[in-house]
Amino acid sequence: MNLISRTITGIASIILGIVIVYFSFESSFWLLLYGIPIIIIGVFILFNKKEDKIEKIRRKK
């Protein structure tokens, strides 16, 4: 993923996770099982910079 798509995906998943956590306090707490992992995955996507680096292939002779 490039910077723009990583930023959009990370922010969208963090916002979705926050919305689910908010609704879990109003309706039922089992929604926390979905909201918290979505937030964690969104933060990981947002701050993962190793994915943009391309490693060279080492060939054995």
PDB file of N, CA and C in Angstrom:
ATOM      1  N   MET A   1       0.846  -1.183   0.000  1.00  0.00           N
ATOM      2  CA  MET A   1       0.000   0.000   0.000  1.00  0.00           C
ATOM      3  C   MET A   1       0.884   1.236   0.000  1.00  0.00           C
ATOM      4  N   ASN A   2       0.447   2.225  -0.696  1.00  0.00           N
ATOM      5  CA  ASN A   2       1.201   3.471  -0.624  1.00  0.00           C
ATOM      6  C   ASN A   2       0.675   4.325   0.533  1.00  0.00           C
ATOM      7  N   LEU A   3       1.247   5.475   0.694  1.00  0.00           N
ATOM      8  CA  LEU A   3       0.947   6.318   1.859  1.00  0.00           C
ATOM      9  C   LEU A   3      -0.513   6.748   1.910  1.00  0.00           C
ATOM     10  N   ILE A   4      -1.077   7.126   0.774  1.00  0.00           N
ATOM     11  CA  ILE A   4      -2.451   7.632   0.769  1.00  0.00           C
ATOM     12  C   ILE A   4      -3.447   6.522   1.095  1.00  0.00           C
ATOM     13  N   SER A   5      -3.319   5.368   0.464  1.00  0.00           N
ATOM     14  CA  SER A   5      -4.266   4.291   0.729  1.00  0.00           C
ATOM     15  C   SER A   5      -4.105   3.746   2.142  1.00  0.00           C
ATOM     16  N   ARG A   6      -2.849   3.706   2.651  1.00  0.00           N
ATOM     17  CA  ARG A   6      -2.623   3.251   4.015  1.00  0.00           C
ATOM     18  C   ARG A   6      -3.260   4.212   5.014  1.00  0.00           C
ATOM     19  N   THR A   7      -3.157   5.503   4.752  1.00  0.00           N
ATOM     20  CA  THR A   7      -3.738   6.500   5.645  1.00  0.00           C
ATOM     21  C   THR A   7      -5.261   6.432   5.626  1.00  0.00           C
ATOM     22  N   ILE A   8      -5.843   6.333   4.454  1.00  0.00           N
ATOM     23  CA  ILE A   8      -7.304   6.268   4.349  1.00  0.00           C
ATOM     24  C   ILE A   8      -7.842   5.005   5.022  1.00  0.00           C
ATOM     25  N   THR A   9      -7.224   3.867   4.755  1.00  0.00           N
ATOM     26  CA  THR A   9      -7.679   2.610   5.343  1.00  0.00           C
ATOM     27  C   THR A   9      -7.501   2.609   6.854  1.00  0.00           C
ATOM     28  N   GLY A  10      -6.369   3.099   7.333  1.00  0.00           N
ATOM     29  CA  GLY A  10      -6.125   3.129   8.776  1.00  0.00           C
ATOM     30  C   GLY A  10      -7.089   4.038   9.506  1.00  0.00           C
ATOM     31  N   ILE A  11      -7.306   5.229   8.986  1.00  0.00           N
ATOM     32  CA  ILE A  11      -8.208   6.173   9.643  1.00  0.00           C
ATOM     33  C   ILE A  11      -9.647   5.674   9.586  1.00  0.00           C
ATOM     34  N   ALA A  12     -10.047   5.091   8.455  1.00  0.00           N
ATOM     35  CA  ALA A  12     -11.419   4.579   8.332  1.00  0.00           C
ATOM     36  C   ALA A  12     -11.675   3.435   9.305  1.00  0.00           C
ATOM     37  N   SER A  13     -10.712   2.545   9.466  1.00  0.00           N
ATOM     38  CA  SER A  13     -10.918   1.433  10.390  1.00  0.00           C
ATOM     39  C   SER A  13     -10.871   1.896  11.842  1.00  0.00           C
ATOM     40  N   ILE A  14     -10.056   2.893  12.165  1.00  0.00           N
ATOM     41  CA  ILE A  14     -10.048   3.430  13.528  1.00  0.00           C
ATOM     42  C   ILE A  14     -11.381   4.098  13.842  1.00  0.00           C
ATOM     43  N   ILE A  15     -11.915   4.868  12.900  1.00  0.00           N
ATOM     44  CA  ILE A  15     -13.207   5.521  13.117  1.00  0.00           C
ATOM     45  C   ILE A  15     -14.315   4.481  13.267  1.00  0.00           C
ATOM     46  N   LEU A  16     -14.295   3.435  12.429  1.00  0.00           N
ATOM     47  CA  LEU A  16     -15.294   2.375  12.536  1.00  0.00           C
ATOM     48  C   LEU A  16     -15.202   1.682  13.894  1.00  0.00           C
ATOM     49  N   GLY A  17     -13.986   1.422  14.352  1.00  0.00           N
ATOM     50  CA  GLY A  17     -13.804   0.793  15.660  1.00  0.00           C
ATOM     51  C   GLY A  17     -14.304   1.666  16.792  1.00  0.00           C
ATOM     52  N   ILE A  18     -14.058   2.963  16.710  1.00  0.00           N
ATOM     53  CA  ILE A  18     -14.532   3.883  17.752  1.00  0.00           C
ATOM     54  C   ILE A  18     -16.059   3.940  17.767  1.00  0.00           C
ATOM     55  N   VAL A  19     -16.672   3.940  16.586  1.00  0.00           N
ATOM     56  CA  VAL A  19     -18.135   3.950  16.510  1.00  0.00           C
ATOM     57  C   VAL A  19     -18.708   2.676  17.111  1.00  0.00           C
ATOM     58  N   ILE A  20     -18.108   1.534  16.815  1.00  0.00           N
ATOM     59  CA  ILE A  20     -18.591   0.267  17.375  1.00  0.00           C
ATOM     60  C   ILE A  20     -18.419   0.247  18.892  1.00  0.00           C
ATOM     61  N   VAL A  21     -17.297   0.749  19.392  1.00  0.00           N
ATOM     62  CA  VAL A  21     -17.087   0.802  20.845  1.00  0.00           C
ATOM     63  C   VAL A  21     -18.111   1.730  21.493  1.00  0.00           C
ATOM     64  N   TYR A  22     -18.405   2.847  20.856  1.00  0.00           N
ATOM     65  CA  TYR A  22     -19.397   3.782  21.395  1.00  0.00           C
ATOM     66  C   TYR A  22     -20.776   3.116  21.484  1.00  0.00           C
ATOM     67  N   PHE A  23     -21.166   2.409  20.426  1.00  0.00           N
ATOM     68  CA  PHE A  23     -22.464   1.746  20.449  1.00  0.00           C
ATOM     69  C   PHE A  23     -22.495   0.562  21.403  1.00  0.00           C
ATOM     70  N   SER A  24     -21.339   0.003  21.717  1.00  0.00           N
ATOM     71  CA  SER A  24     -21.316  -1.115  22.662  1.00  0.00           C
ATOM     72  C   SER A  24     -21.683  -0.657  24.067  1.00  0.00           C
ATOM     73  N   PHE A  25     -21.352   0.579  24.419  1.00  0.00           N
ATOM     74  CA  PHE A  25     -21.726   1.075  25.736  1.00  0.00           C
ATOM     75  C   PHE A  25     -23.214   1.395  25.811  1.00  0.00           C
ATOM     76  N   GLU A  26     -23.828   1.673  24.661  1.00  0.00           N
ATOM     77  CA  GLU A  26     -25.259   1.969  24.656  1.00  0.00           C
ATOM     78  C   GLU A  26     -26.115   0.713  24.553  1.00  0.00           C
ATOM     79  N   SER A  27     -25.632  -0.315  23.846  1.00  0.00           N
ATOM     80  CA  SER A  27     -26.479  -1.486  23.639  1.00  0.00           C
ATOM     81  C   SER A  27     -25.975  -2.698  24.423  1.00  0.00           C
ATOM     82  N   SER A  28     -24.899  -3.294  23.998  1.00  0.00           N
ATOM     83  CA  SER A  28     -24.382  -4.468  24.706  1.00  0.00           C
ATOM     84  C   SER A  28     -22.863  -4.504  24.596  1.00  0.00           C
ATOM     85  N   PHE A  29     -22.249  -5.099  25.605  1.00  0.00           N
ATOM     86  CA  PHE A  29     -20.794  -5.072  25.690  1.00  0.00           C
ATOM     87  C   PHE A  29     -20.110  -6.086  24.777  1.00  0.00           C
ATOM     88  N   TRP A  30     -20.845  -7.013  24.160  1.00  0.00           N
ATOM     89  CA  TRP A  30     -20.199  -7.982  23.272  1.00  0.00           C
ATOM     90  C   TRP A  30     -19.676  -7.317  22.008  1.00  0.00           C
ATOM     91  N   LEU A  31     -20.146  -6.119  21.696  1.00  0.00           N
ATOM     92  CA  LEU A  31     -19.619  -5.393  20.539  1.00  0.00           C
ATOM     93  C   LEU A  31     -18.175  -4.951  20.755  1.00  0.00           C
ATOM     94  N   LEU A  32     -17.743  -4.901  22.011  1.00  0.00           N
ATOM     95  CA  LEU A  32     -16.344  -4.569  22.291  1.00  0.00           C
ATOM     96  C   LEU A  32     -15.399  -5.606  21.700  1.00  0.00           C
ATOM     97  N   LEU A  33     -15.881  -6.863  21.574  1.00  0.00           N
ATOM     98  CA  LEU A  33     -15.056  -7.906  20.980  1.00  0.00           C
ATOM     99  C   LEU A  33     -14.760  -7.636  19.512  1.00  0.00           C
ATOM    100  N   TYR A  34     -15.578  -6.814  18.872  1.00  0.00           N
ATOM    101  CA  TYR A  34     -15.344  -6.425  17.488  1.00  0.00           C
ATOM    102  C   TYR A  34     -14.667  -5.059  17.374  1.00  0.00           C
ATOM    103  N   GLY A  35     -15.043  -4.137  18.228  1.00  0.00           N
ATOM    104  CA  GLY A  35     -14.547  -2.768  18.133  1.00  0.00           C
ATOM    105  C   GLY A  35     -13.081  -2.612  18.468  1.00  0.00           C
ATOM    106  N   ILE A  36     -12.643  -3.224  19.544  1.00  0.00           N
ATOM    107  CA  ILE A  36     -11.254  -3.072  19.986  1.00  0.00           C
ATOM    108  C   ILE A  36     -10.264  -3.684  18.990  1.00  0.00           C
ATOM    109  N   PRO A  37     -10.491  -4.911  18.469  1.00  0.00           N
ATOM    110  CA  PRO A  37      -9.547  -5.412  17.459  1.00  0.00           C
ATOM    111  C   PRO A  37      -9.523  -4.583  16.166  1.00  0.00           C
ATOM    112  N   ILE A  38     -10.659  -4.015  15.783  1.00  0.00           N
ATOM    113  CA  ILE A  38     -10.677  -3.172  14.589  1.00  0.00           C
ATOM    114  C   ILE A  38      -9.823  -1.928  14.811  1.00  0.00           C
ATOM    115  N   ILE A  39      -9.872  -1.357  16.000  1.00  0.00           N
ATOM    116  CA  ILE A  39      -9.035  -0.193  16.314  1.00  0.00           C
ATOM    117  C   ILE A  39      -7.557  -0.576  16.272  1.00  0.00           C
ATOM    118  N   ILE A  40      -7.217  -1.728  16.844  1.00  0.00           N
ATOM    119  CA  ILE A  40      -5.819  -2.175  16.871  1.00  0.00           C
ATOM    120  C   ILE A  40      -5.303  -2.420  15.448  1.00  0.00           C
ATOM    121  N   ILE A  41      -6.117  -3.063  14.619  1.00  0.00           N
ATOM    122  CA  ILE A  41      -5.715  -3.313  13.234  1.00  0.00           C
ATOM    123  C   ILE A  41      -5.561  -1.992  12.479  1.00  0.00           C
ATOM    124  N   GLY A  42      -6.453  -1.033  12.726  1.00  0.00           N
ATOM    125  CA  GLY A  42      -6.358   0.270  12.074  1.00  0.00           C
ATOM    126  C   GLY A  42      -5.095   1.011  12.446  1.00  0.00           C
ATOM    127  N   VAL A  43      -4.706   0.958  13.706  1.00  0.00           N
ATOM    128  CA  VAL A  43      -3.461   1.606  14.144  1.00  0.00           C
ATOM    129  C   VAL A  43      -2.262   0.916  13.507  1.00  0.00           C
ATOM    130  N   PHE A  44      -2.304  -0.413  13.436  1.00  0.00           N
ATOM    131  CA  PHE A  44      -1.203  -1.151  12.811  1.00  0.00           C
ATOM    132  C   PHE A  44      -1.081  -0.794  11.336  1.00  0.00           C
ATOM    133  N   ILE A  45      -2.186  -0.711  10.626  1.00  0.00           N
ATOM    134  CA  ILE A  45      -2.158  -0.339   9.208  1.00  0.00           C
ATOM    135  C   ILE A  45      -1.632   1.080   9.033  1.00  0.00           C
ATOM    136  N   LEU A  46      -2.060   1.980   9.902  1.00  0.00           N
ATOM    137  CA  LEU A  46      -1.683   3.382   9.783  1.00  0.00           C
ATOM    138  C   LEU A  46      -0.190   3.605  10.001  1.00  0.00           C
ATOM    139  N   PHE A  47       0.407   2.884  10.935  1.00  0.00           N
ATOM    140  CA  PHE A  47       1.796   3.136  11.285  1.00  0.00           C
ATOM    141  C   PHE A  47       2.782   2.109  10.745  1.00  0.00           C
ATOM    142  N   ASN A  48       2.339   1.190   9.895  1.00  0.00           N
ATOM    143  CA  ASN A  48       3.237   0.186   9.329  1.00  0.00           C
ATOM    144  C   ASN A  48       3.952   0.774   8.119  1.00  0.00           C
ATOM    145  N   LYS A  49       5.226   1.110   8.293  1.00  0.00           N
ATOM    146  CA  LYS A  49       5.998   1.711   7.205  1.00  0.00           C
ATOM    147  C   LYS A  49       6.923   0.700   6.543  1.00  0.00           C
ATOM    148  N   LYS A  50       7.088  -0.479   7.124  1.00  0.00           N
ATOM    149  CA  LYS A  50       7.968  -1.480   6.543  1.00  0.00           C
ATOM    150  C   LYS A  50       7.398  -2.036   5.246  1.00  0.00           C
ATOM    151  N   GLU A  51       6.104  -1.945   5.081  1.00  0.00           N
ATOM    152  CA  GLU A  51       5.464  -2.520   3.906  1.00  0.00           C
ATOM    153  C   GLU A  51       5.848  -1.783   2.628  1.00  0.00           C
ATOM    154  N   ASP A  52       6.204  -0.525   2.730  1.00  0.00           N
ATOM    155  CA  ASP A  52       6.531   0.265   1.550  1.00  0.00           C
ATOM    156  C   ASP A  52       7.936   0.012   1.021  1.00  0.00           C
ATOM    157  N   LYS A  53       8.767  -0.628   1.801  1.00  0.00           N
ATOM    158  CA  LYS A  53      10.135  -0.904   1.360  1.00  0.00           C
ATOM    159  C   LYS A  53      10.166  -2.190   0.531  1.00  0.00           C
ATOM    160  N   ILE A  54      10.901  -2.163  -0.547  1.00  0.00           N
ATOM    161  CA  ILE A  54      11.050  -3.332  -1.401  1.00  0.00           C
ATOM    162  C   ILE A  54      12.435  -3.914  -1.172  1.00  0.00           C
ATOM    163  N   GLU A  55      12.453  -5.174  -0.791  1.00  0.00           N
ATOM    164  CA  GLU A  55      13.723  -5.836  -0.538  1.00  0.00           C
ATOM    165  C   GLU A  55      14.241  -6.469  -1.820  1.00  0.00           C
ATOM    166  N   LYS A  56      15.558  -6.458  -1.985  1.00  0.00           N
ATOM    167  CA  LYS A  56      16.166  -7.079  -3.153  1.00  0.00           C
ATOM    168  C   LYS A  56      16.193  -8.587  -2.965  1.00  0.00           C
ATOM    169  N   ILE A  57      16.006  -9.293  -4.057  1.00  0.00           N
ATOM    170  CA  ILE A  57      16.051 -10.749  -4.036  1.00  0.00           C
ATOM    171  C   ILE A  57      17.504 -11.207  -4.161  1.00  0.00           C
ATOM    172  N   ARG A  58      17.902 -12.022  -3.220  1.00  0.00           N
ATOM    173  CA  ARG A  58      19.260 -12.557  -3.245  1.00  0.00           C
ATOM    174  C   ARG A  58      19.239 -13.905  -3.947  1.00  0.00           C
ATOM    175  N   ARG A  59      20.003 -14.029  -4.987  1.00  0.00           N
ATOM    176  CA  ARG A  59      20.068 -15.288  -5.733  1.00  0.00           C
ATOM    177  C   ARG A  59      21.313 -16.071  -5.339  1.00  0.00           C
ATOM    178  N   LYS A  60      21.104 -17.346  -5.109  1.00  0.00           N
ATOM    179  CA  LYS A  60      22.253 -18.218  -4.792  1.00  0.00           C
ATOM    180  C   LYS A  60      22.825 -18.748  -6.089  1.00  0.00           C
ATOM    181  N   LYS A  61      24.154 -18.760  -6.167  1.00  0.00           N
ATOM    182  CA  LYS A  61      24.806 -19.252  -7.385  1.00  0.00           C
ATOM    183  C   LYS A  61      25.472 -20.577  -7.143  1.00  0.00           C
TER     184      LYS A  61
END
